[in-house]
N, C-alpha and C. Protein backbone atom coordinates (compact mmCIF):
# COMPACT_ATOMS: atom_id res chain seq x y z
N LYS A 1 11.58 -17.47 15.20
CA LYS A 1 12.58 -17.70 16.12
C LYS A 1 12.53 -18.92 16.55
N GLU A 2 13.63 -19.36 17.11
CA GLU A 2 13.90 -20.60 17.85
C GLU A 2 14.23 -20.50 19.27
N TYR A 3 13.44 -21.37 20.11
CA TYR A 3 13.51 -21.19 21.75
C TYR A 3 15.05 -21.75 21.94
N THR A 4 15.63 -20.93 22.87
CA THR A 4 17.02 -21.26 23.33
C THR A 4 16.75 -21.63 24.86
N PRO A 5 16.97 -22.86 25.20
CA PRO A 5 16.86 -23.23 26.59
C PRO A 5 17.76 -22.52 27.54
N VAL A 6 17.34 -22.13 28.66
CA VAL A 6 18.25 -21.44 29.61
C VAL A 6 19.04 -22.53 30.32
N VAL A 7 20.18 -21.95 30.91
CA VAL A 7 21.01 -22.93 31.88
C VAL A 7 20.95 -22.61 33.31
N THR A 8 20.36 -21.31 33.65
CA THR A 8 20.43 -20.94 35.12
C THR A 8 18.74 -20.99 35.61
N LEU A 9 18.55 -21.30 36.54
CA LEU A 9 17.39 -21.44 37.21
C LEU A 9 16.98 -20.15 38.14
N PRO A 10 15.74 -19.79 38.25
CA PRO A 10 15.40 -18.94 39.27
C PRO A 10 15.53 -19.77 40.85
N THR A 11 14.92 -19.03 41.78
CA THR A 11 15.17 -19.90 43.04
C THR A 11 13.84 -20.92 43.18
N ARG A 12 14.04 -21.65 44.12
CA ARG A 12 12.90 -22.79 44.37
C ARG A 12 11.71 -22.23 44.53
N LYS A 13 11.61 -21.17 45.42
CA LYS A 13 10.42 -20.58 45.61
C LYS A 13 9.74 -19.92 44.46
N ILE A 14 10.46 -19.26 43.65
CA ILE A 14 9.88 -18.72 42.42
C ILE A 14 9.50 -19.87 41.43
N LEU A 15 10.14 -20.81 41.37
CA LEU A 15 9.88 -22.06 40.40
C LEU A 15 8.56 -22.59 40.98
N LYS A 16 8.48 -22.71 42.11
CA LYS A 16 7.31 -23.34 42.99
C LYS A 16 5.97 -22.43 42.68
N GLU A 17 6.14 -21.17 42.87
CA GLU A 17 5.03 -20.23 42.95
C GLU A 17 4.51 -19.90 41.63
N GLN A 18 5.64 -19.41 40.91
CA GLN A 18 5.17 -18.83 39.40
C GLN A 18 5.08 -19.94 38.44
N TRP A 19 5.95 -21.04 38.57
CA TRP A 19 5.73 -22.08 37.46
C TRP A 19 5.21 -23.25 37.91
N GLY A 20 5.12 -23.72 39.21
CA GLY A 20 4.39 -24.92 39.49
C GLY A 20 5.56 -25.93 39.46
N ILE A 21 6.63 -25.75 39.62
CA ILE A 21 7.76 -26.88 39.54
C ILE A 21 8.21 -27.34 40.80
N GLU A 22 8.14 -28.43 41.08
CA GLU A 22 8.71 -29.01 42.34
C GLU A 22 9.46 -30.28 42.35
N ALA A 23 10.68 -30.09 41.92
CA ALA A 23 11.55 -31.22 41.77
C ALA A 23 12.72 -31.30 42.66
N ASP A 24 13.09 -32.15 43.07
CA ASP A 24 14.32 -32.35 44.07
C ASP A 24 15.70 -32.37 43.14
N ASN A 25 15.72 -32.68 42.00
CA ASN A 25 17.00 -32.91 41.14
C ASN A 25 16.84 -31.65 40.30
N LYS A 26 18.04 -30.91 40.48
CA LYS A 26 18.22 -29.64 39.64
C LYS A 26 18.13 -29.85 38.04
N GLN A 27 18.58 -30.91 37.51
CA GLN A 27 18.36 -31.34 36.15
C GLN A 27 16.94 -31.29 35.70
N ASP A 28 16.04 -32.03 36.62
CA ASP A 28 14.76 -32.15 36.36
C ASP A 28 14.08 -30.60 36.32
N ARG A 29 14.48 -29.94 37.53
CA ARG A 29 13.79 -28.65 37.45
C ARG A 29 14.23 -27.78 36.28
N LEU A 30 15.39 -28.12 35.93
CA LEU A 30 15.86 -27.14 34.63
C LEU A 30 14.97 -27.64 33.32
N LYS A 31 14.83 -29.04 33.34
CA LYS A 31 14.09 -29.59 32.14
C LYS A 31 12.68 -29.15 32.15
N TYR A 32 11.96 -29.15 33.25
CA TYR A 32 10.82 -28.81 33.57
C TYR A 32 10.32 -27.23 33.27
N TYR A 33 11.22 -26.51 33.73
CA TYR A 33 11.48 -25.08 33.36
C TYR A 33 11.56 -24.73 31.84
N ASN A 34 12.60 -25.32 31.51
CA ASN A 34 12.68 -25.18 29.83
C ASN A 34 11.54 -25.58 29.10
N ALA A 35 10.89 -26.68 29.54
CA ALA A 35 9.77 -27.12 28.80
C ALA A 35 8.72 -26.07 28.88
N LYS A 36 8.43 -25.38 30.13
CA LYS A 36 7.35 -24.65 30.41
C LYS A 36 7.61 -23.18 29.53
N ARG A 37 8.93 -22.95 29.70
CA ARG A 37 9.15 -21.54 29.09
C ARG A 37 9.22 -21.86 27.32
N LYS A 38 9.32 -23.05 26.93
CA LYS A 38 9.13 -23.10 25.49
C LYS A 38 7.80 -23.02 25.06
N ILE A 39 6.94 -23.74 26.03
CA ILE A 39 5.41 -23.36 25.64
C ILE A 39 4.90 -22.04 25.50
N LEU A 40 5.34 -21.34 26.57
CA LEU A 40 5.21 -19.83 26.59
C LEU A 40 5.81 -19.19 25.41
N PHE A 41 6.96 -19.46 25.06
CA PHE A 41 7.65 -18.91 23.71
C PHE A 41 7.08 -19.24 22.35
N ASP A 42 6.39 -20.49 22.47
CA ASP A 42 5.81 -20.84 21.24
C ASP A 42 4.52 -20.16 21.05
N GLU A 43 3.79 -19.99 22.15
CA GLU A 43 2.52 -19.32 22.08
C GLU A 43 2.76 -17.74 21.60
N GLU A 44 3.86 -17.26 22.36
CA GLU A 44 4.16 -15.80 21.98
C GLU A 44 4.61 -15.70 20.55
N GLN A 45 5.28 -16.62 19.83
CA GLN A 45 5.69 -16.65 18.57
C GLN A 45 4.41 -16.62 17.67
N ILE A 46 3.49 -17.53 17.95
CA ILE A 46 2.31 -17.77 17.48
C ILE A 46 1.44 -16.21 17.37
N THR A 47 1.38 -15.60 18.73
CA THR A 47 0.64 -14.54 18.56
C THR A 47 1.31 -13.43 17.68
N LYS A 48 2.54 -13.15 17.86
CA LYS A 48 3.46 -12.39 17.01
C LYS A 48 3.18 -12.42 15.51
N TYR A 49 3.28 -13.63 15.15
CA TYR A 49 2.79 -13.98 13.46
C TYR A 49 1.40 -13.64 13.29
N GLU A 50 0.35 -14.07 14.13
CA GLU A 50 -0.68 -13.60 13.74
C GLU A 50 -0.95 -12.14 13.86
N ASN A 51 -0.40 -11.40 14.68
CA ASN A 51 -0.23 -9.80 14.63
C ASN A 51 0.17 -9.31 13.45
N HIS A 52 1.26 -10.11 13.06
CA HIS A 52 2.13 -9.64 11.85
C HIS A 52 1.10 -9.88 10.66
N ILE A 53 0.42 -10.79 10.46
CA ILE A 53 -0.44 -11.09 9.35
C ILE A 53 -1.66 -10.02 9.64
N VAL A 54 -2.20 -9.78 10.63
CA VAL A 54 -3.24 -8.68 10.49
C VAL A 54 -2.69 -7.32 9.97
N GLU A 55 -1.44 -7.02 10.64
CA GLU A 55 -0.94 -5.74 10.10
C GLU A 55 -0.76 -5.64 8.60
N LEU A 56 -0.07 -6.66 8.02
CA LEU A 56 0.08 -6.76 6.43
C LEU A 56 -1.13 -6.71 5.98
N LYS A 57 -2.28 -7.26 6.47
CA LYS A 57 -3.75 -7.23 5.69
C LYS A 57 -4.14 -5.65 5.67
N LYS A 58 -3.99 -5.06 7.04
CA LYS A 58 -4.32 -3.74 6.92
C LYS A 58 -3.62 -2.99 6.06
N LYS A 59 -2.34 -3.19 5.91
CA LYS A 59 -1.49 -2.28 4.81
C LYS A 59 -1.57 -2.49 3.83
N TYR A 60 -1.75 -3.95 3.18
CA TYR A 60 -1.64 -4.09 1.76
C TYR A 60 -2.92 -4.80 1.23
N VAL A 61 -4.07 -5.13 2.11
CA VAL A 61 -5.13 -5.71 1.59
C VAL A 61 -6.37 -4.94 1.78
N SER A 62 -6.20 -3.64 2.28
CA SER A 62 -7.23 -2.70 2.60
C SER A 62 -8.45 -2.60 1.46
N ASN A 63 -7.61 -2.62 0.15
CA ASN A 63 -8.44 -2.57 -1.03
C ASN A 63 -8.13 -3.90 -1.79
N PRO A 64 -8.70 -5.02 -1.60
CA PRO A 64 -8.36 -6.30 -2.24
C PRO A 64 -7.92 -6.07 -3.86
N GLU A 65 -8.72 -5.22 -4.66
CA GLU A 65 -8.22 -5.16 -5.86
C GLU A 65 -7.01 -4.58 -6.03
N MET A 66 -6.59 -3.54 -5.37
CA MET A 66 -5.41 -2.97 -5.47
C MET A 66 -4.22 -3.58 -4.60
N TRP A 67 -4.35 -4.68 -4.10
CA TRP A 67 -3.12 -5.28 -3.42
C TRP A 67 -1.95 -5.34 -4.38
N GLU A 68 -2.00 -5.89 -5.36
CA GLU A 68 -0.72 -6.17 -6.14
C GLU A 68 -0.09 -4.70 -6.46
N TYR A 69 -0.77 -3.76 -6.75
CA TYR A 69 -0.18 -2.38 -7.03
C TYR A 69 0.38 -1.98 -5.48
N ASP A 70 -0.32 -2.07 -4.66
CA ASP A 70 0.19 -1.68 -3.18
C ASP A 70 1.61 -2.15 -2.86
N VAL A 71 1.50 -3.38 -3.28
CA VAL A 71 2.90 -4.17 -2.77
C VAL A 71 3.96 -4.09 -3.65
N MET A 72 3.62 -4.09 -5.30
CA MET A 72 4.67 -3.98 -6.17
C MET A 72 4.63 -2.87 -7.09
N SER A 73 3.73 -2.03 -7.03
CA SER A 73 3.51 -0.94 -7.84
C SER A 73 3.37 -1.17 -9.20
N MET A 74 2.68 -2.21 -9.36
CA MET A 74 2.27 -2.74 -10.73
C MET A 74 1.22 -3.86 -10.57
N PHE A 75 0.50 -4.22 -11.78
CA PHE A 75 -0.36 -5.29 -11.57
C PHE A 75 0.35 -6.60 -12.34
N ILE A 76 0.38 -7.69 -11.89
CA ILE A 76 0.79 -8.74 -12.39
C ILE A 76 -0.31 -9.86 -13.20
N THR A 77 -1.39 -10.07 -12.18
CA THR A 77 -2.13 -11.05 -12.63
C THR A 77 -3.46 -10.52 -13.25
N GLN A 78 -3.94 -9.43 -12.83
CA GLN A 78 -5.11 -8.67 -13.35
C GLN A 78 -5.17 -7.27 -12.81
N ASN A 79 -5.45 -6.33 -13.80
CA ASN A 79 -5.48 -5.00 -13.41
C ASN A 79 -6.82 -4.57 -13.50
N PRO A 80 -7.34 -4.26 -12.03
CA PRO A 80 -8.78 -4.11 -11.91
C PRO A 80 -9.44 -2.77 -12.56
N LEU A 81 -8.26 -1.89 -12.99
CA LEU A 81 -8.86 -0.77 -13.83
C LEU A 81 -9.16 -0.97 -15.06
N ALA A 82 -8.43 -2.31 -15.78
CA ALA A 82 -8.64 -2.58 -17.34
C ALA A 82 -10.14 -2.47 -17.76
N LYS A 83 -11.06 -2.71 -16.80
CA LYS A 83 -12.35 -2.72 -17.24
C LYS A 83 -12.96 -1.39 -17.68
N TYR A 84 -12.47 -0.44 -17.37
CA TYR A 84 -12.68 0.97 -17.83
C TYR A 84 -12.26 1.60 -19.07
N ASN A 85 -11.29 0.38 -19.53
CA ASN A 85 -10.44 0.86 -21.01
C ASN A 85 -11.49 1.13 -22.07
N LYS A 86 -12.81 0.56 -21.87
CA LYS A 86 -13.80 0.51 -23.07
C LYS A 86 -14.63 1.72 -23.22
N TYR A 87 -14.38 2.62 -22.03
CA TYR A 87 -14.96 4.03 -21.73
C TYR A 87 -13.97 4.95 -22.33
N ILE A 88 -12.86 4.73 -22.45
CA ILE A 88 -11.82 5.83 -22.92
C ILE A 88 -11.06 5.57 -24.04
N THR A 89 -10.45 6.53 -24.83
CA THR A 89 -9.67 6.32 -25.89
C THR A 89 -8.18 5.94 -25.40
N PRO A 90 -7.68 5.06 -26.00
CA PRO A 90 -6.14 4.86 -25.39
C PRO A 90 -5.34 5.92 -25.59
N PHE A 91 -4.46 6.27 -24.60
CA PHE A 91 -3.56 7.33 -24.55
C PHE A 91 -2.71 7.64 -26.18
N GLU A 92 -2.33 6.48 -26.39
CA GLU A 92 -1.46 6.61 -27.77
C GLU A 92 -2.40 6.91 -29.03
N ASN A 93 -3.81 6.85 -28.89
CA ASN A 93 -4.55 7.09 -29.94
C ASN A 93 -4.99 8.49 -29.87
N VAL A 94 -4.74 9.26 -28.70
CA VAL A 94 -5.12 10.67 -28.55
C VAL A 94 -4.47 11.66 -29.36
N GLU A 95 -5.01 12.51 -30.18
CA GLU A 95 -4.15 13.34 -30.84
C GLU A 95 -3.48 14.60 -30.17
N GLU A 96 -2.36 14.98 -30.49
CA GLU A 96 -1.63 15.96 -29.92
C GLU A 96 -2.76 17.26 -29.80
N GLY A 97 -2.96 17.98 -28.45
CA GLY A 97 -3.66 18.96 -28.48
C GLY A 97 -5.11 18.58 -28.24
N LYS A 98 -5.72 17.58 -28.25
CA LYS A 98 -6.88 16.99 -27.90
C LYS A 98 -7.05 16.60 -26.55
N GLU A 99 -8.34 16.70 -25.82
CA GLU A 99 -8.70 16.37 -24.46
C GLU A 99 -8.26 14.71 -24.39
N SER A 100 -8.04 14.33 -23.04
CA SER A 100 -7.50 12.92 -22.91
C SER A 100 -8.30 12.44 -21.48
N VAL A 101 -8.43 11.41 -21.30
CA VAL A 101 -8.92 10.86 -20.06
C VAL A 101 -7.97 9.63 -19.67
N LEU A 102 -7.43 9.76 -18.53
CA LEU A 102 -6.64 8.68 -17.89
C LEU A 102 -7.25 8.11 -16.81
N VAL A 103 -7.40 6.80 -16.71
CA VAL A 103 -7.83 5.98 -15.58
C VAL A 103 -6.70 5.22 -15.16
N GLY A 104 -6.18 5.73 -13.88
CA GLY A 104 -5.00 4.94 -13.35
C GLY A 104 -4.53 5.09 -11.94
N VAL A 105 -3.51 4.76 -11.48
CA VAL A 105 -3.10 4.98 -10.11
C VAL A 105 -1.77 5.96 -10.13
N ILE A 106 -1.88 6.96 -9.21
CA ILE A 106 -0.90 7.80 -9.10
C ILE A 106 0.42 7.15 -8.60
N ALA A 107 1.49 6.83 -9.56
CA ALA A 107 2.61 6.04 -9.30
C ALA A 107 3.78 7.10 -8.59
N SER A 108 3.84 8.33 -8.85
CA SER A 108 4.80 9.17 -8.36
C SER A 108 4.06 10.68 -8.43
N VAL A 109 4.68 11.53 -7.36
CA VAL A 109 4.49 13.10 -7.39
C VAL A 109 5.55 13.60 -7.01
N GLN A 110 5.95 14.55 -8.03
CA GLN A 110 7.34 15.22 -7.73
C GLN A 110 6.76 16.65 -7.78
N LYS A 111 6.84 17.43 -6.47
CA LYS A 111 6.44 18.83 -6.36
C LYS A 111 7.73 19.73 -6.59
N LYS A 112 7.33 20.64 -7.43
CA LYS A 112 8.57 21.65 -7.84
C LYS A 112 7.87 23.18 -7.49
N MET A 113 8.75 24.00 -7.63
CA MET A 113 8.50 25.41 -7.58
C MET A 113 8.70 26.22 -8.83
N ASP A 114 7.97 27.18 -9.37
CA ASP A 114 8.26 27.62 -10.43
C ASP A 114 9.07 29.07 -9.96
N LYS A 115 9.40 29.70 -10.97
CA LYS A 115 10.15 30.93 -10.89
C LYS A 115 9.43 31.99 -9.97
N HIS A 116 8.36 31.94 -10.02
CA HIS A 116 7.42 32.84 -9.13
C HIS A 116 7.16 32.19 -7.78
N LYS A 117 8.04 31.22 -7.32
CA LYS A 117 7.68 30.53 -6.14
C LYS A 117 6.25 29.98 -5.90
N LYS A 118 5.81 29.62 -7.05
CA LYS A 118 4.44 29.06 -6.97
C LYS A 118 4.81 27.40 -7.21
N GLN A 119 3.84 26.55 -6.41
CA GLN A 119 3.93 25.33 -6.50
C GLN A 119 3.18 24.65 -7.62
N PHE A 120 3.94 23.62 -8.42
CA PHE A 120 3.26 22.90 -9.30
C PHE A 120 3.99 21.58 -9.00
N ALA A 121 3.45 20.37 -9.91
CA ALA A 121 3.94 18.97 -9.86
C ALA A 121 3.74 18.30 -10.98
N PHE A 122 4.58 17.24 -11.12
CA PHE A 122 4.81 16.33 -12.09
C PHE A 122 4.36 14.90 -11.45
N LEU A 123 3.26 14.37 -12.13
CA LEU A 123 2.69 13.08 -11.80
C LEU A 123 3.10 12.21 -12.80
N ASP A 124 3.23 10.79 -12.29
CA ASP A 124 3.24 9.78 -13.22
C ASP A 124 2.07 8.78 -12.85
N ILE A 125 1.23 8.61 -13.93
CA ILE A 125 0.11 7.75 -13.79
C ILE A 125 0.35 6.45 -14.36
N TYR A 126 0.04 5.53 -13.72
CA TYR A 126 0.18 4.02 -14.03
C TYR A 126 -1.20 3.73 -14.75
N GLN A 127 -1.18 3.45 -16.16
CA GLN A 127 -2.33 3.04 -16.74
C GLN A 127 -1.85 2.01 -17.74
N ASN A 128 -2.57 0.76 -17.51
CA ASN A 128 -2.44 -0.35 -18.48
C ASN A 128 -1.07 -0.69 -18.59
N GLY A 129 -0.26 -0.56 -17.67
CA GLY A 129 1.07 -1.26 -17.82
C GLY A 129 2.18 0.08 -18.43
N ASP A 130 1.73 1.35 -18.68
CA ASP A 130 2.39 2.37 -18.89
C ASP A 130 2.42 3.52 -17.99
N LEU A 131 3.62 4.21 -17.87
CA LEU A 131 3.57 5.45 -17.22
C LEU A 131 3.33 6.73 -17.80
N ILE A 132 2.45 7.49 -17.60
CA ILE A 132 2.07 8.70 -18.26
C ILE A 132 2.43 9.80 -17.60
N GLU A 133 3.13 10.68 -18.03
CA GLU A 133 3.63 11.83 -17.30
C GLU A 133 2.36 13.07 -17.47
N VAL A 134 2.32 13.59 -16.14
CA VAL A 134 0.96 14.52 -16.13
C VAL A 134 1.58 15.69 -15.43
N ILE A 135 1.33 16.93 -16.08
CA ILE A 135 1.91 18.23 -15.56
C ILE A 135 0.63 18.81 -14.85
N CYS A 136 0.82 19.03 -13.67
CA CYS A 136 -0.13 19.91 -12.83
C CYS A 136 0.40 21.31 -12.47
N TRP A 137 -0.03 22.29 -13.13
CA TRP A 137 0.49 23.66 -13.11
C TRP A 137 -0.17 24.01 -11.59
N HIS A 138 0.16 25.26 -11.31
CA HIS A 138 -0.20 25.88 -9.94
C HIS A 138 -1.71 26.01 -9.74
N THR A 139 -2.36 26.52 -10.78
CA THR A 139 -3.79 26.76 -10.32
C THR A 139 -4.51 25.53 -10.24
N GLN A 140 -4.11 24.31 -10.94
CA GLN A 140 -4.81 23.06 -10.65
C GLN A 140 -4.18 22.51 -9.34
N PHE A 141 -2.84 22.61 -9.04
CA PHE A 141 -2.07 22.00 -7.89
C PHE A 141 -2.65 22.44 -6.55
N LYS A 142 -3.00 23.86 -6.71
CA LYS A 142 -3.76 24.44 -5.31
C LYS A 142 -5.07 23.73 -5.05
N ASN A 143 -5.92 23.44 -6.34
CA ASN A 143 -7.24 22.96 -6.16
C ASN A 143 -7.25 21.38 -5.93
N TYR A 144 -6.10 20.69 -6.37
CA TYR A 144 -6.30 19.11 -5.95
C TYR A 144 -4.95 18.64 -5.27
N VAL A 145 -4.27 19.50 -4.39
CA VAL A 145 -3.17 19.08 -3.64
C VAL A 145 -3.46 17.99 -2.82
N ASN A 146 -4.63 17.83 -2.24
CA ASN A 146 -5.11 16.67 -1.57
C ASN A 146 -5.42 15.38 -2.30
N GLU A 147 -5.68 15.37 -3.72
CA GLU A 147 -5.83 14.25 -4.43
C GLU A 147 -4.36 13.70 -4.90
N LEU A 148 -3.45 14.57 -4.88
CA LEU A 148 -1.95 14.07 -5.40
C LEU A 148 -1.33 13.28 -4.28
N VAL A 149 -1.95 11.99 -4.34
CA VAL A 149 -1.26 11.07 -3.25
C VAL A 149 -0.73 9.73 -4.01
N ARG A 150 0.47 9.36 -3.85
CA ARG A 150 1.01 8.06 -4.52
C ARG A 150 0.01 7.04 -4.14
N GLY A 151 -0.34 6.10 -5.09
CA GLY A 151 -1.02 4.94 -4.87
C GLY A 151 -2.54 5.27 -5.02
N LYS A 152 -3.00 6.52 -5.18
CA LYS A 152 -4.43 6.75 -4.95
C LYS A 152 -4.82 6.54 -6.63
N VAL A 153 -6.25 5.98 -6.74
CA VAL A 153 -6.77 5.55 -7.94
C VAL A 153 -7.45 6.89 -8.33
N VAL A 154 -7.37 7.46 -9.68
CA VAL A 154 -7.82 8.45 -10.01
C VAL A 154 -8.16 8.71 -11.63
N VAL A 155 -9.15 9.57 -11.85
CA VAL A 155 -9.14 9.85 -13.45
C VAL A 155 -8.73 11.25 -13.54
N ILE A 156 -7.85 11.22 -14.56
CA ILE A 156 -7.28 12.44 -14.89
C ILE A 156 -7.83 13.07 -16.12
N LEU A 157 -8.15 14.29 -16.36
CA LEU A 157 -8.92 14.90 -17.40
C LEU A 157 -7.75 15.98 -17.76
N GLY A 158 -7.42 15.89 -18.91
CA GLY A 158 -6.53 17.06 -19.52
C GLY A 158 -6.25 16.98 -20.93
N LYS A 159 -5.19 17.77 -21.29
CA LYS A 159 -4.83 17.80 -22.85
C LYS A 159 -3.53 17.41 -23.23
N LYS A 160 -3.59 16.39 -24.19
CA LYS A 160 -2.34 15.78 -24.49
C LYS A 160 -1.31 16.92 -25.09
N SER A 161 -0.16 16.91 -24.75
CA SER A 161 0.82 17.80 -25.09
C SER A 161 2.23 17.19 -25.06
N GLU A 162 2.73 17.07 -26.50
CA GLU A 162 4.15 16.52 -26.29
C GLU A 162 4.26 15.15 -25.53
N GLY A 163 3.27 14.35 -25.60
CA GLY A 163 3.37 13.09 -25.20
C GLY A 163 2.94 12.99 -23.71
N LYS A 164 2.71 14.12 -23.12
CA LYS A 164 2.22 14.23 -21.80
C LYS A 164 0.85 14.70 -21.73
N VAL A 165 0.29 14.78 -20.32
CA VAL A 165 -0.71 15.42 -20.21
C VAL A 165 -0.94 16.56 -19.37
N VAL A 166 -1.35 17.80 -19.64
CA VAL A 166 -1.58 19.01 -19.07
C VAL A 166 -2.93 18.70 -18.25
N LEU A 167 -2.70 18.67 -16.85
CA LEU A 167 -4.04 18.41 -16.02
C LEU A 167 -5.07 19.52 -16.17
N LYS A 168 -6.23 19.31 -16.37
CA LYS A 168 -7.30 20.28 -16.20
C LYS A 168 -8.18 19.83 -15.02
N GLU A 169 -8.34 18.34 -14.64
CA GLU A 169 -9.30 18.12 -13.61
C GLU A 169 -8.71 16.76 -13.13
N ILE A 170 -8.70 16.46 -11.97
CA ILE A 170 -8.57 15.22 -11.26
C ILE A 170 -9.69 14.80 -10.42
N ILE A 171 -10.40 13.80 -10.66
CA ILE A 171 -11.50 13.15 -9.85
C ILE A 171 -11.32 11.77 -9.36
N SER A 172 -12.11 11.45 -8.48
CA SER A 172 -11.73 10.04 -8.07
C SER A 172 -12.69 9.16 -9.23
N LEU A 173 -12.34 7.91 -9.02
CA LEU A 173 -12.99 6.87 -10.08
C LEU A 173 -14.42 6.89 -9.77
N GLU A 174 -14.84 6.99 -8.49
CA GLU A 174 -16.23 6.96 -8.10
C GLU A 174 -17.07 8.08 -8.78
N GLN A 175 -16.35 9.29 -8.76
CA GLN A 175 -17.04 10.48 -9.35
C GLN A 175 -17.30 10.36 -10.68
N TRP A 176 -16.15 9.89 -11.40
CA TRP A 176 -16.13 9.67 -12.88
C TRP A 176 -17.18 8.71 -13.33
N LYS A 177 -17.28 7.40 -12.40
CA LYS A 177 -18.22 6.53 -12.80
C LYS A 177 -19.83 7.08 -12.66
N LEU A 178 -20.21 7.85 -11.72
CA LEU A 178 -21.10 8.56 -11.52
C LEU A 178 -21.61 9.53 -12.53
N ARG A 179 -20.46 10.22 -13.03
CA ARG A 179 -20.71 11.13 -14.15
C ARG A 179 -20.86 10.47 -15.39
N ARG A 180 -20.36 9.48 -15.69
CA ARG A 180 -20.69 8.54 -16.88
C ARG A 180 -21.76 7.55 -16.88
N GLY A 181 -22.40 7.43 -15.61
CA GLY A 181 -23.21 6.65 -15.33
C GLY A 181 -23.02 4.97 -15.41
N ILE A 182 -21.79 4.74 -15.11
CA ILE A 182 -21.23 3.50 -15.21
C ILE A 182 -21.58 2.76 -13.83
N LYS A 183 -22.36 1.66 -14.17
CA LYS A 183 -22.58 0.76 -12.87
C LYS A 183 -21.99 -0.62 -13.03
N GLU A 184 -21.78 -1.11 -11.83
CA GLU A 184 -20.97 -2.28 -11.74
C GLU A 184 -21.85 -3.27 -10.96
């Protein structure tokens, strides 16, 4: 924002006591008053800007590896999850009906109700630039409902079925690395 000078003055008493301004000429008082108000305004703007930067860092850089995804819902420069590709079979190479492992970010969660009024969900997992649909039926849904959060890095274990994955288990990346003995 830019400072807009004021055209009216407070009383001489207020100018003297609160602002330290003692000029006989009204134009000089107005000039000094605006100069002091501009200094306060500029300091306030700097503080607001610094607070804004702190809030942005809290929101988007809480996990520095994931900031691109947090901001743009994709990775542009480097996918921090790509280093785990050597431990999994690419999804397109997994045969129908076989077990599949996905290491990725939950891009979206669509919760639904089946005809028996039981909740299930469709997930989109962002892995290596692709969105892979995962079906989370009621049994798994109730077990993993707290894990089904957009933006969360997860490892999905399931069966490939018609180009989708039917969820068997969902675990955190850290749990998966421990299971596999992956050390960084």
